[in-house]
C-alpha atoms as a PDB file:
ATOM      1  CA  MET A   1      18.063  64.837-168.934  1.00  0.00           C
ATOM      2  CA  LEU A   2      18.270  63.079-165.575  1.00  0.00           C
ATOM      3  CA  VAL A   3      19.878  60.008-167.130  1.00  0.00           C
ATOM      4  CA  LEU A   4      22.504  62.204-168.755  1.00  0.00           C
ATOM      5  CA  PHE A   5      23.214  63.890-165.411  1.00  0.00           C
ATOM      6  CA  GLY A   6      23.578  60.484-163.786  1.00  0.00           C
ATOM      7  CA  LEU A   7      26.027  59.321-166.442  1.00  0.00           C
ATOM      8  CA  VAL A   8      28.096  62.503-166.210  1.00  0.00           C
ATOM      9  CA  ALA A   9      28.143  62.374-162.397  1.00  0.00           C
ATOM     10  CA  MET A  10      29.523  58.817-162.119  1.00  0.00           C
ATOM     11  CA  PRO A  11      33.192  59.656-162.889  1.00  0.00           C
ATOM     12  CA  TYR A  12      32.988  62.509-160.393  1.00  0.00           C
ATOM     13  CA  VAL A  13      31.687  60.149-157.722  1.00  0.00           C
ATOM     14  CA  ASP A  14      34.831  58.068-158.264  1.00  0.00           C
ATOM     15  CA  GLN A  15      37.013  61.145-157.728  1.00  0.00           C
ATOM     16  CA  ALA A  16      35.118  62.421-154.680  1.00  0.00           C
ATOM     17  CA  ASP A  17      36.741  62.103-151.279  1.00  0.00           C
ATOM     18  CA  LEU A  18      33.940  60.105-149.639  1.00  0.00           C
ATOM     19  CA  PRO A  19      34.116  57.000-147.434  1.00  0.00           C
ATOM     20  CA  GLY A  20      33.090  53.784-149.199  1.00  0.00           C
ATOM     21  CA  VAL A  21      29.536  53.653-147.856  1.00  0.00           C
ATOM     22  CA  LEU A  22      28.809  57.296-148.690  1.00  0.00           C
ATOM     23  CA  GLN A  23      30.288  56.875-152.149  1.00  0.00           C
ATOM     24  CA  VAL A  24      27.965  53.941-152.840  1.00  0.00           C
ATOM     25  CA  LEU A  25      25.042  55.899-151.345  1.00  0.00           C
ATOM     26  CA  ALA A  26      25.738  58.912-153.585  1.00  0.00           C
ATOM     27  CA  ARG A  27      25.945  56.627-156.615  1.00  0.00           C
ATOM     28  CA  VAL A  28      22.646  54.878-155.773  1.00  0.00           C
ATOM     29  CA  LEU A  29      20.795  58.118-155.003  1.00  0.00           C
ATOM     30  CA  ILE A  30      21.867  59.789-158.244  1.00  0.00           C
ATOM     31  CA  VAL A  31      20.897  56.739-160.308  1.00  0.00           C
ATOM     32  CA  ALA A  32      17.560  56.245-158.467  1.00  0.00           C
ATOM     33  CA  ALA A  33      16.198  59.667-159.430  1.00  0.00           C
ATOM     34  CA  PRO A  34      15.820  59.053-163.192  1.00  0.00           C
ATOM     35  CA  VAL A  35      13.962  55.835-162.388  1.00  0.00           C
ATOM     36  CA  LEU A  36      11.647  57.063-159.635  1.00  0.00           C
ATOM     37  CA  MET A  37      10.480  60.338-161.150  1.00  0.00           C
ATOM     38  CA  PRO A  38       9.037  59.009-164.446  1.00  0.00           C
ATOM     39  CA  LEU A  39       7.732  55.947-162.610  1.00  0.00           C
ATOM     40  CA  GLY A  40       5.717  58.205-160.329  1.00  0.00           C
ATOM     41  CA  PHE A  41       4.244  60.124-163.248  1.00  0.00           C
ATOM     42  CA  PHE A  42       3.233  57.052-165.235  1.00  0.00           C
ATOM     43  CA  LEU A  43       1.935  54.930-162.355  1.00  0.00           C
ATOM     44  CA  SER A  44      -0.081  57.729-160.807  1.00  0.00           C
ATOM     45  CA  VAL A  45      -2.632  57.616-163.639  1.00  0.00           C
ATOM     46  CA  VAL A  46      -2.796  53.946-164.584  1.00  0.00           C
ATOM     47  CA  ARG A  47      -6.453  53.843-165.618  1.00  0.00           C
ATOM     48  CA  PRO A  48      -7.431  55.923-168.662  1.00  0.00           C
ATOM     49  CA  GLY A  49     -10.448  57.367-166.830  1.00  0.00           C
ATOM     50  CA  ASP A  50      -8.421  58.801-163.955  1.00  0.00           C
ATOM     51  CA  THR A  51      -8.735  62.555-163.645  1.00  0.00           C
ATOM     52  CA  ARG A  52      -6.491  62.950-160.593  1.00  0.00           C
ATOM     53  CA  PRO A  53      -3.195  61.267-159.752  1.00  0.00           C
ATOM     54  CA  ASN A  54      -3.186  58.631-157.040  1.00  0.00           C
ATOM     55  CA  GLY A  55      -0.716  58.281-154.171  1.00  0.00           C
ATOM     56  CA  LEU A  56       2.050  56.957-156.390  1.00  0.00           C
ATOM     57  CA  ILE A  57       2.714  60.524-157.522  1.00  0.00           C
ATOM     58  CA  ARG A  58       4.782  60.728-154.336  1.00  0.00           C
ATOM     59  CA  LEU A  59       7.448  58.712-156.137  1.00  0.00           C
ATOM     60  CA  THR A  60       8.311  61.893-158.030  1.00  0.00           C
ATOM     61  CA  LEU A  61       8.975  63.662-154.734  1.00  0.00           C
ATOM     62  CA  LEU A  62      11.058  60.730-153.559  1.00  0.00           C
ATOM     63  CA  GLY A  63      13.048  60.876-156.800  1.00  0.00           C
ATOM     64  CA  GLY A  64      13.628  64.601-156.353  1.00  0.00           C
ATOM     65  CA  GLY A  65      14.800  64.014-152.805  1.00  0.00           C
ATOM     66  CA  CYS A  66      17.173  61.287-153.992  1.00  0.00           C
ATOM     67  CA  LEU A  67      18.567  63.599-156.646  1.00  0.00           C
ATOM     68  CA  ALA A  68      19.081  66.420-154.151  1.00  0.00           C
ATOM     69  CA  ALA A  69      20.696  64.192-151.518  1.00  0.00           C
ATOM     70  CA  GLY A  70      22.971  62.443-154.021  1.00  0.00           C
ATOM     71  CA  THR A  71      24.064  65.715-155.585  1.00  0.00           C
ATOM     72  CA  LEU A  72      24.736  67.212-152.162  1.00  0.00           C
ATOM     73  CA  LEU A  73      26.848  64.207-151.175  1.00  0.00           C
ATOM     74  CA  LEU A  74      28.746  64.447-154.443  1.00  0.00           C
ATOM     75  CA  GLY A  75      29.368  68.166-153.955  1.00  0.00           C
ATOM     76  CA  VAL A  76      30.682  67.675-150.419  1.00  0.00           C
ATOM     77  CA  GLY A  77      32.949  64.867-151.595  1.00  0.00           C
ATOM     78  CA  LEU A  78      34.324  66.964-154.433  1.00  0.00           C
ATOM     79  CA  LEU A  79      34.942  69.888-152.101  1.00  0.00           C
ATOM     80  CA  ARG A  80      36.789  67.569-149.715  1.00  0.00           C
ATOM     81  CA  ALA A  81      38.890  66.267-152.607  1.00  0.00           C
ATOM     82  CA  GLY A  82      39.725  69.809-153.675  1.00  0.00           C
ATOM     83  CA  LEU A  83      38.296  69.395-157.169  1.00  0.00           C
ATOM     84  CA  LEU A  84      35.934  72.348-156.874  1.00  0.00           C
ATOM     85  CA  ALA A  85      38.450  74.700-155.304  1.00  0.00           C
ATOM     86  CA  ALA A  86      38.913  77.873-157.312  1.00  0.00           C
END
């Protein structure tokens, strides 16, 4: 689901009215989320005998933060471009 969101969001990032650096940042943040979140889940219980996740579970939080920040940047850029105006 996150990969699909990332693919759908990319054309909108191109249309957003964001400076070059923020446009690249929004693109990287949106694409980083589908990588970081599953990585955190799988790496947090590497050994079969683990009953609790280790510290790498924090990668899921980092992925969620990336998704939120990238989506917020995209929304602001689209509002500035007038594409979300009713």
